[in-house]
N, C-alpha and C. Protein backbone atom coordinates (compact mmCIF):
# COMPACT_ATOMS: atom_id res chain seq x y z
N UNK A 1 -10.40 -12.11 -4.48
CA UNK A 1 -10.14 -10.73 -4.83
C UNK A 1 -10.05 -10.63 -6.34
N UNK A 2 -10.73 -9.67 -6.93
CA UNK A 2 -10.66 -9.43 -8.36
C UNK A 2 -9.41 -8.61 -8.66
N UNK A 3 -8.64 -8.98 -9.68
CA UNK A 3 -7.37 -8.33 -9.98
C UNK A 3 -7.28 -7.97 -11.45
N UNK A 4 -6.50 -6.91 -11.73
CA UNK A 4 -6.18 -6.53 -13.10
C UNK A 4 -4.74 -6.04 -13.12
N UNK A 5 -3.99 -6.40 -14.13
CA UNK A 5 -2.60 -5.98 -14.25
C UNK A 5 -2.54 -4.54 -14.75
N UNK A 6 -1.62 -3.74 -14.21
CA UNK A 6 -1.40 -2.37 -14.65
C UNK A 6 -0.23 -2.34 -15.61
N UNK A 7 -0.26 -1.44 -16.57
CA UNK A 7 0.89 -1.24 -17.44
C UNK A 7 1.97 -0.53 -16.66
N UNK A 8 3.25 -0.76 -16.97
CA UNK A 8 4.32 -0.05 -16.27
C UNK A 8 4.17 1.44 -16.45
N UNK A 9 4.48 2.20 -15.41
CA UNK A 9 4.40 3.65 -15.47
C UNK A 9 5.51 4.17 -16.38
N UNK A 10 5.25 5.26 -17.13
CA UNK A 10 6.32 5.80 -17.96
C UNK A 10 7.42 6.34 -17.07
N UNK A 11 8.66 6.32 -17.56
CA UNK A 11 9.76 6.86 -16.77
C UNK A 11 9.51 8.35 -16.59
N UNK A 12 9.88 8.76 -16.43
CA UNK A 12 9.80 10.21 -16.18
C UNK A 12 9.62 10.58 -14.65
N UNK A 13 -10.78 14.82 12.80
CA UNK A 13 -10.81 15.09 14.19
C UNK A 13 -11.63 14.09 14.98
N UNK A 14 -11.94 12.99 14.12
CA UNK A 14 -12.66 11.88 14.71
C UNK A 14 -11.65 10.89 15.29
N UNK A 15 -12.00 10.20 16.37
CA UNK A 15 -11.07 9.22 16.91
C UNK A 15 -10.89 8.07 15.94
N UNK A 16 -9.74 7.38 16.06
CA UNK A 16 -9.47 6.21 15.22
C UNK A 16 -10.46 5.10 15.55
N UNK A 17 -10.96 4.42 14.56
CA UNK A 17 -11.84 3.29 14.81
C UNK A 17 -11.08 2.18 15.54
N UNK A 18 -11.81 1.32 16.17
CA UNK A 18 -11.18 0.18 16.82
C UNK A 18 -10.70 -0.79 15.76
N UNK A 19 -9.83 -1.72 16.15
CA UNK A 19 -9.28 -2.66 15.18
C UNK A 19 -10.34 -3.50 14.50
N UNK A 20 -11.47 -3.76 15.18
CA UNK A 20 -12.49 -4.57 14.54
C UNK A 20 -13.30 -3.78 13.52
N UNK A 21 -12.96 -2.51 13.32
CA UNK A 21 -13.64 -1.70 12.32
C UNK A 21 -12.89 -1.69 10.98
N UNK A 22 -11.81 -2.47 10.86
CA UNK A 22 -11.09 -2.52 9.59
C UNK A 22 -12.02 -3.06 8.51
N UNK A 23 -11.92 -2.48 7.33
CA UNK A 23 -12.76 -2.92 6.20
C UNK A 23 -12.29 -4.26 5.67
N UNK A 24 -13.22 -5.06 5.22
CA UNK A 24 -12.93 -6.34 4.59
C UNK A 24 -12.63 -6.06 3.11
N UNK A 25 -11.39 -5.69 2.83
CA UNK A 25 -11.01 -5.25 1.49
C UNK A 25 -11.18 -6.33 0.43
N UNK A 26 -11.04 -7.59 0.80
CA UNK A 26 -11.19 -8.67 -0.18
C UNK A 26 -12.60 -8.71 -0.76
N UNK A 27 -13.59 -8.27 0.00
CA UNK A 27 -14.97 -8.33 -0.46
C UNK A 27 -15.55 -6.97 -0.84
N UNK A 28 -14.88 -5.88 -0.48
CA UNK A 28 -15.41 -4.54 -0.74
C UNK A 28 -14.72 -3.80 -1.87
N UNK A 29 -13.62 -4.38 -2.39
CA UNK A 29 -12.85 -3.66 -3.40
C UNK A 29 -12.25 -4.63 -4.41
N UNK A 30 -11.93 -4.09 -5.57
CA UNK A 30 -11.16 -4.84 -6.56
C UNK A 30 -9.75 -4.27 -6.55
N UNK A 31 -8.82 -5.03 -7.09
CA UNK A 31 -7.41 -4.67 -7.03
C UNK A 31 -6.83 -4.54 -8.43
N UNK A 32 -6.11 -3.45 -8.65
CA UNK A 32 -5.27 -3.29 -9.84
C UNK A 32 -3.85 -3.20 -9.31
N UNK A 33 -2.95 -3.98 -9.88
CA UNK A 33 -1.60 -4.07 -9.33
C UNK A 33 -0.59 -4.20 -10.46
N UNK A 34 0.55 -3.55 -10.30
CA UNK A 34 1.54 -3.54 -11.38
C UNK A 34 2.31 -4.85 -11.49
N UNK A 35 2.51 -5.56 -10.38
CA UNK A 35 3.25 -6.82 -10.40
C UNK A 35 2.94 -7.59 -9.13
N UNK A 36 3.01 -8.93 -9.23
CA UNK A 36 2.72 -9.73 -8.05
C UNK A 36 3.47 -11.06 -8.15
N UNK A 37 4.20 -11.39 -7.11
CA UNK A 37 4.86 -12.69 -7.00
C UNK A 37 3.79 -13.69 -6.57
N UNK A 38 3.56 -14.75 -7.35
CA UNK A 38 2.52 -15.72 -6.98
C UNK A 38 2.71 -16.32 -5.58
N UNK A 39 3.94 -16.36 -5.10
CA UNK A 39 4.20 -16.90 -3.75
C UNK A 39 3.88 -15.89 -2.66
N UNK A 40 3.69 -14.60 -3.04
CA UNK A 40 3.42 -13.53 -2.07
C UNK A 40 2.33 -12.61 -2.61
N UNK A 41 1.11 -13.13 -2.79
CA UNK A 41 0.03 -12.31 -3.38
C UNK A 41 -0.41 -11.18 -2.45
N UNK A 42 -1.12 -10.22 -3.03
CA UNK A 42 -1.58 -9.07 -2.26
C UNK A 42 -2.41 -9.48 -1.04
N UNK A 43 -3.17 -10.53 -1.18
CA UNK A 43 -4.00 -10.99 -0.05
C UNK A 43 -3.16 -11.24 1.20
N UNK A 44 -1.88 -11.58 1.02
CA UNK A 44 -1.00 -11.78 2.18
C UNK A 44 -0.83 -10.49 2.97
N UNK A 45 -0.86 -9.34 2.32
CA UNK A 45 -0.74 -8.06 3.02
C UNK A 45 -2.00 -7.74 3.83
N UNK A 46 -3.10 -8.39 3.49
CA UNK A 46 -4.34 -8.19 4.25
C UNK A 46 -4.34 -9.02 5.52
N UNK A 47 -3.41 -9.97 5.60
CA UNK A 47 -3.33 -10.86 6.76
C UNK A 47 -2.20 -10.50 7.70
N UNK A 48 -1.38 -9.49 7.35
CA UNK A 48 -0.35 -8.94 8.22
C UNK A 48 0.65 -9.92 8.77
N UNK A 49 0.61 -10.13 10.06
CA UNK A 49 1.60 -10.92 10.78
C UNK A 49 1.59 -12.40 10.40
N UNK A 50 0.51 -12.89 9.86
CA UNK A 50 0.39 -14.32 9.54
C UNK A 50 1.24 -14.73 8.34
N UNK A 51 1.73 -13.76 7.56
CA UNK A 51 2.43 -14.06 6.31
C UNK A 51 3.65 -13.16 6.18
N UNK A 52 4.33 -13.29 5.04
CA UNK A 52 5.45 -12.39 4.72
C UNK A 52 4.98 -11.18 3.94
N UNK A 53 3.67 -11.00 3.76
CA UNK A 53 3.14 -9.85 3.05
C UNK A 53 3.22 -10.00 1.54
N UNK A 54 2.88 -8.91 0.85
CA UNK A 54 2.89 -8.87 -0.61
C UNK A 54 4.29 -8.54 -1.11
N UNK A 55 4.65 -9.16 -2.23
CA UNK A 55 5.89 -8.85 -2.93
C UNK A 55 5.62 -8.91 -4.42
N UNK A 56 6.25 -8.02 -5.18
CA UNK A 56 6.07 -8.06 -6.64
C UNK A 56 6.98 -9.08 -7.29
N UNK A 57 6.62 -9.48 -8.50
CA UNK A 57 7.48 -10.38 -9.29
C UNK A 57 8.63 -9.60 -9.90
N UNK A 58 8.42 -8.31 -10.15
CA UNK A 58 9.40 -7.47 -10.84
C UNK A 58 9.99 -6.43 -9.90
N UNK A 59 11.27 -6.05 -10.13
CA UNK A 59 11.87 -4.98 -9.34
C UNK A 59 11.35 -3.62 -9.80
N UNK A 60 11.70 -2.58 -9.05
CA UNK A 60 11.38 -1.21 -9.43
C UNK A 60 10.07 -0.72 -8.85
N UNK A 61 9.67 0.49 -9.24
CA UNK A 61 8.45 1.11 -8.72
C UNK A 61 7.21 0.25 -8.97
N UNK A 62 6.29 0.29 -8.01
CA UNK A 62 5.08 -0.52 -8.06
C UNK A 62 3.86 0.34 -7.72
N UNK A 63 2.72 -0.06 -8.26
CA UNK A 63 1.45 0.60 -7.96
C UNK A 63 0.44 -0.43 -7.48
N UNK A 64 -0.23 -0.08 -6.40
CA UNK A 64 -1.32 -0.89 -5.86
C UNK A 64 -2.54 0.03 -5.82
N UNK A 65 -3.60 -0.37 -6.49
CA UNK A 65 -4.81 0.46 -6.55
C UNK A 65 -6.01 -0.36 -6.08
N UNK A 66 -6.64 0.09 -5.01
CA UNK A 66 -7.86 -0.53 -4.49
C UNK A 66 -9.05 0.30 -4.94
N UNK A 67 -9.96 -0.32 -5.68
CA UNK A 67 -11.15 0.37 -6.19
C UNK A 67 -12.37 -0.20 -5.47
N UNK A 68 -12.99 0.64 -4.67
CA UNK A 68 -14.15 0.20 -3.89
C UNK A 68 -15.36 0.01 -4.78
N UNK A 69 -16.14 -1.02 -4.47
CA UNK A 69 -17.36 -1.29 -5.23
C UNK A 69 -18.35 -0.14 -5.10
N UNK A 70 -18.37 0.49 -3.92
CA UNK A 70 -19.21 1.66 -3.66
C UNK A 70 -18.39 2.67 -2.88
N UNK A 71 -18.57 3.98 -3.14
CA UNK A 71 -17.80 5.00 -2.39
C UNK A 71 -17.96 4.83 -0.88
N UNK A 72 -16.87 5.11 -0.16
CA UNK A 72 -16.84 4.88 1.29
C UNK A 72 -16.25 6.07 2.01
N UNK A 73 -16.61 6.19 3.27
CA UNK A 73 -15.93 7.12 4.18
C UNK A 73 -14.72 6.37 4.73
N UNK A 74 -13.57 7.02 4.70
CA UNK A 74 -12.33 6.43 5.21
C UNK A 74 -11.83 7.30 6.35
N UNK A 75 -11.51 6.66 7.48
CA UNK A 75 -11.06 7.38 8.67
C UNK A 75 -9.63 7.06 9.07
N UNK A 76 -9.13 5.91 8.58
CA UNK A 76 -7.81 5.48 9.02
C UNK A 76 -7.18 4.57 7.98
N UNK A 77 -5.86 4.75 7.76
CA UNK A 77 -5.11 3.90 6.85
C UNK A 77 -3.81 3.53 7.56
N UNK A 78 -3.55 2.23 7.63
CA UNK A 78 -2.33 1.75 8.30
C UNK A 78 -1.52 0.92 7.32
N UNK A 79 -0.24 1.26 7.19
CA UNK A 79 0.68 0.55 6.31
C UNK A 79 1.88 0.06 7.11
N UNK A 80 2.36 -1.12 6.79
CA UNK A 80 3.59 -1.63 7.41
C UNK A 80 4.48 -2.20 6.32
N UNK A 81 5.73 -1.73 6.32
CA UNK A 81 6.75 -2.20 5.39
C UNK A 81 7.88 -2.84 6.20
N UNK A 82 8.45 -3.92 5.68
CA UNK A 82 9.60 -4.57 6.33
C UNK A 82 10.67 -4.87 5.30
N UNK A 83 11.90 -4.67 5.72
CA UNK A 83 13.06 -5.03 4.89
C UNK A 83 14.20 -5.36 5.84
N UNK A 84 14.52 -6.64 5.95
CA UNK A 84 15.57 -7.06 6.88
C UNK A 84 16.82 -7.56 6.17
N UNK A 85 16.80 -7.63 4.84
CA UNK A 85 17.92 -8.20 4.09
C UNK A 85 18.82 -7.17 3.42
N UNK A 86 18.23 -6.08 2.92
CA UNK A 86 19.00 -5.13 2.10
C UNK A 86 18.84 -3.71 2.62
N UNK A 87 19.93 -2.97 2.54
CA UNK A 87 19.86 -1.54 2.85
C UNK A 87 19.30 -0.83 1.62
N UNK A 88 18.28 -0.02 1.83
CA UNK A 88 17.70 0.72 0.71
C UNK A 88 16.89 1.89 1.23
N UNK A 89 16.73 2.89 0.37
CA UNK A 89 15.88 4.05 0.68
C UNK A 89 14.62 3.95 -0.17
N UNK A 90 13.49 3.98 0.47
CA UNK A 90 12.20 3.81 -0.20
C UNK A 90 11.40 5.10 -0.11
N UNK A 91 10.59 5.33 -1.13
CA UNK A 91 9.62 6.42 -1.09
C UNK A 91 8.28 5.84 -1.48
N UNK A 92 7.23 6.25 -0.76
CA UNK A 92 5.90 5.84 -1.18
C UNK A 92 4.99 7.05 -1.16
N UNK A 93 3.94 6.94 -1.96
CA UNK A 93 2.92 7.97 -2.05
C UNK A 93 1.57 7.29 -1.89
N UNK A 94 0.73 7.87 -1.04
CA UNK A 94 -0.61 7.34 -0.80
C UNK A 94 -1.60 8.41 -1.20
N UNK A 95 -2.57 8.04 -2.05
CA UNK A 95 -3.57 9.00 -2.49
C UNK A 95 -4.95 8.36 -2.54
N UNK A 96 -5.97 9.21 -2.63
CA UNK A 96 -7.35 8.74 -2.68
C UNK A 96 -8.11 9.55 -3.71
N UNK A 97 -9.02 8.87 -4.42
CA UNK A 97 -9.98 9.56 -5.26
C UNK A 97 -11.24 9.66 -4.42
N UNK A 98 -11.60 10.90 -4.08
CA UNK A 98 -12.73 11.17 -3.20
C UNK A 98 -13.67 12.16 -3.90
N UNK A 99 -14.90 11.73 -4.11
CA UNK A 99 -15.89 12.56 -4.80
C UNK A 99 -15.35 13.07 -6.14
N UNK A 100 -14.61 12.22 -6.84
CA UNK A 100 -14.09 12.56 -8.16
C UNK A 100 -12.77 13.30 -8.17
N UNK A 101 -12.28 13.77 -7.03
CA UNK A 101 -11.02 14.51 -6.95
C UNK A 101 -9.91 13.60 -6.44
N UNK A 102 -8.75 13.65 -7.11
CA UNK A 102 -7.59 12.88 -6.65
C UNK A 102 -6.85 13.71 -5.62
N UNK A 103 -6.64 13.13 -4.44
CA UNK A 103 -6.02 13.85 -3.33
C UNK A 103 -4.85 13.05 -2.77
N UNK A 104 -3.66 13.67 -2.75
CA UNK A 104 -2.53 12.99 -2.14
C UNK A 104 -2.67 13.08 -0.62
N UNK A 105 -2.56 11.94 0.04
CA UNK A 105 -2.65 11.89 1.50
C UNK A 105 -1.28 12.11 2.10
N UNK A 106 -0.26 11.43 1.55
CA UNK A 106 1.09 11.56 2.09
C UNK A 106 2.10 11.07 1.06
N UNK A 107 3.29 11.64 1.13
CA UNK A 107 4.47 11.14 0.41
C UNK A 107 5.53 11.01 1.48
N UNK A 108 6.11 9.82 1.60
CA UNK A 108 7.01 9.51 2.72
C UNK A 108 8.26 8.81 2.22
N UNK A 109 9.41 9.14 2.80
CA UNK A 109 10.65 8.44 2.51
C UNK A 109 11.12 7.73 3.77
N UNK A 110 11.79 6.60 3.56
CA UNK A 110 12.28 5.81 4.69
C UNK A 110 13.53 5.06 4.25
N UNK A 111 14.51 4.97 5.13
CA UNK A 111 15.72 4.20 4.85
C UNK A 111 15.74 2.95 5.71
N UNK A 112 15.83 1.81 5.05
CA UNK A 112 15.92 0.52 5.73
C UNK A 112 17.39 0.14 5.88
N UNK A 113 17.70 -0.49 7.01
CA UNK A 113 19.04 -0.97 7.27
C UNK A 113 18.95 -2.27 8.06
N UNK A 114 19.52 -3.38 7.55
CA UNK A 114 19.44 -4.65 8.28
C UNK A 114 20.02 -4.58 9.69
N UNK A 115 20.96 -3.68 9.91
CA UNK A 115 21.57 -3.57 11.23
C UNK A 115 20.85 -2.58 12.13
N UNK A 116 19.74 -2.03 11.67
CA UNK A 116 19.03 -1.03 12.47
C UNK A 116 17.56 -0.99 12.19
N UNK A 117 17.16 -0.14 11.27
CA UNK A 117 15.75 0.09 10.97
C UNK A 117 15.26 -0.90 9.91
N UNK A 118 14.46 -1.88 10.35
CA UNK A 118 13.97 -2.90 9.42
C UNK A 118 12.46 -2.83 9.21
N UNK A 119 11.76 -2.01 10.00
CA UNK A 119 10.30 -1.94 9.91
C UNK A 119 9.85 -0.49 9.91
N UNK A 120 8.94 -0.18 8.99
CA UNK A 120 8.30 1.14 8.94
C UNK A 120 6.80 0.91 9.10
N UNK A 121 6.20 1.54 10.10
CA UNK A 121 4.75 1.48 10.31
C UNK A 121 4.22 2.90 10.24
N UNK A 122 3.25 3.10 9.37
CA UNK A 122 2.60 4.41 9.23
C UNK A 122 1.11 4.21 9.48
N UNK A 123 0.55 5.03 10.36
CA UNK A 123 -0.87 4.93 10.74
C UNK A 123 -1.47 6.32 10.62
N UNK A 124 -2.27 6.54 9.59
CA UNK A 124 -2.80 7.86 9.29
C UNK A 124 -4.27 7.95 9.66
N UNK A 125 -4.62 8.99 10.40
CA UNK A 125 -6.01 9.32 10.66
C UNK A 125 -6.42 10.32 9.58
N UNK A 126 -7.46 9.99 8.83
CA UNK A 126 -7.93 10.85 7.74
C UNK A 126 -9.43 11.07 7.91
N UNK A 127 -9.96 12.00 7.19
CA UNK A 127 -11.40 12.26 7.20
C UNK A 127 -11.84 12.43 5.75
N UNK A 128 -12.01 11.30 5.07
CA UNK A 128 -12.34 11.31 3.65
C UNK A 128 -13.73 10.73 3.43
N UNK A 129 -14.51 11.36 2.60
CA UNK A 129 -15.83 10.85 2.26
C UNK A 129 -15.89 10.57 0.77
N UNK A 130 -16.77 9.68 0.38
CA UNK A 130 -16.97 9.37 -1.03
C UNK A 130 -15.74 8.80 -1.71
N UNK A 131 -14.93 8.02 -1.00
CA UNK A 131 -13.70 7.47 -1.56
C UNK A 131 -14.02 6.28 -2.47
N UNK A 132 -13.59 6.40 -3.72
CA UNK A 132 -13.80 5.31 -4.67
C UNK A 132 -12.52 4.52 -4.91
N UNK A 133 -11.35 5.16 -4.67
CA UNK A 133 -10.07 4.51 -4.95
C UNK A 133 -9.01 4.95 -3.94
N UNK A 134 -8.22 3.99 -3.50
CA UNK A 134 -7.01 4.26 -2.71
C UNK A 134 -5.85 3.74 -3.55
N UNK A 135 -4.82 4.58 -3.74
CA UNK A 135 -3.67 4.17 -4.53
C UNK A 135 -2.39 4.32 -3.72
N UNK A 136 -1.58 3.28 -3.74
CA UNK A 136 -0.28 3.27 -3.09
C UNK A 136 0.77 3.07 -4.16
N UNK A 137 1.69 4.02 -4.29
CA UNK A 137 2.80 3.90 -5.22
C UNK A 137 4.06 3.76 -4.38
N UNK A 138 4.85 2.74 -4.68
CA UNK A 138 6.06 2.44 -3.92
C UNK A 138 7.26 2.49 -4.86
N UNK A 139 8.24 3.32 -4.54
CA UNK A 139 9.52 3.31 -5.24
C UNK A 139 10.52 2.72 -4.24
N UNK A 140 10.80 1.42 -4.36
CA UNK A 140 11.56 0.73 -3.30
C UNK A 140 13.03 1.09 -3.20
N UNK A 141 13.59 1.68 -4.26
CA UNK A 141 15.02 1.97 -4.22
C UNK A 141 15.36 3.40 -4.53
N UNK A 142 14.37 4.22 -4.74
CA UNK A 142 14.52 5.61 -5.14
C UNK A 142 15.45 5.78 -6.34
N UNK A 143 16.72 5.40 -6.22
CA UNK A 143 17.64 5.54 -7.35
C UNK A 143 18.13 4.18 -7.86
N UNK A 144 17.68 3.12 -7.22
CA UNK A 144 18.06 1.76 -7.59
C UNK A 144 16.83 1.06 -8.17
N UNK A 145 16.73 1.02 -9.48
CA UNK A 145 15.55 0.45 -10.13
C UNK A 145 15.51 -1.07 -10.05
N UNK A 146 16.54 -1.70 -9.47
CA UNK A 146 16.55 -3.15 -9.29
C UNK A 146 16.06 -3.57 -7.91
N UNK A 147 15.78 -2.60 -7.03
CA UNK A 147 15.30 -2.92 -5.69
C UNK A 147 13.87 -3.46 -5.77
N UNK A 148 13.55 -4.37 -4.87
CA UNK A 148 12.22 -4.97 -4.82
C UNK A 148 11.40 -4.35 -3.69
N UNK A 149 10.18 -4.00 -4.00
CA UNK A 149 9.25 -3.47 -3.01
C UNK A 149 8.67 -4.61 -2.19
N UNK A 150 8.01 -4.26 -1.11
CA UNK A 150 7.24 -5.23 -0.33
C UNK A 150 6.26 -4.43 0.52
N UNK A 151 5.21 -5.08 0.93
CA UNK A 151 4.21 -4.48 1.81
C UNK A 151 3.79 -5.56 2.79
N UNK A 152 4.19 -5.40 4.04
CA UNK A 152 3.86 -6.40 5.05
C UNK A 152 2.36 -6.42 5.31
N UNK A 153 1.77 -5.21 5.48
CA UNK A 153 0.34 -5.18 5.74
C UNK A 153 -0.26 -3.84 5.35
N UNK A 154 -1.54 -3.89 5.04
CA UNK A 154 -2.35 -2.69 4.79
C UNK A 154 -3.71 -2.93 5.44
N UNK A 155 -4.21 -1.89 6.09
CA UNK A 155 -5.54 -1.95 6.70
C UNK A 155 -6.20 -0.58 6.53
N UNK A 156 -7.48 -0.59 6.23
CA UNK A 156 -8.23 0.65 6.00
C UNK A 156 -9.53 0.57 6.80
N UNK A 157 -9.84 1.66 7.49
CA UNK A 157 -11.09 1.73 8.25
C UNK A 157 -11.86 2.98 7.86
């Protein structure tokens, strides 16, 4: 996977494809990422259950940007987040650059609790054409800038 480091952000109706229709993101896109723990690289999030997923080296908000080599039609995006150690409230935003226009797909908040809710799975059916970029922004602590983000898995079809 081709990677590039990002600078820190300033403060301030078709059926779902089958599972074998997931895109091979390692070969179809390049990655721009704000931080990455070498022991938990982004590629781990492409393997889902086989690993502990992606984790950043640094705490606080994170950006993951997938830039497709050629524009694509996107029909489905699946994200899975896990947090079993710390109670925290997370917010993420998912957007796409499609035919030159930046479009927010969703902004979602979730509260993790080790004694209850430890997994968030979001599976979105979309109808996007000419997608050149998918961007995921994660604020793992909303008001706690020392919280660490994680992404168990991501899949795009």
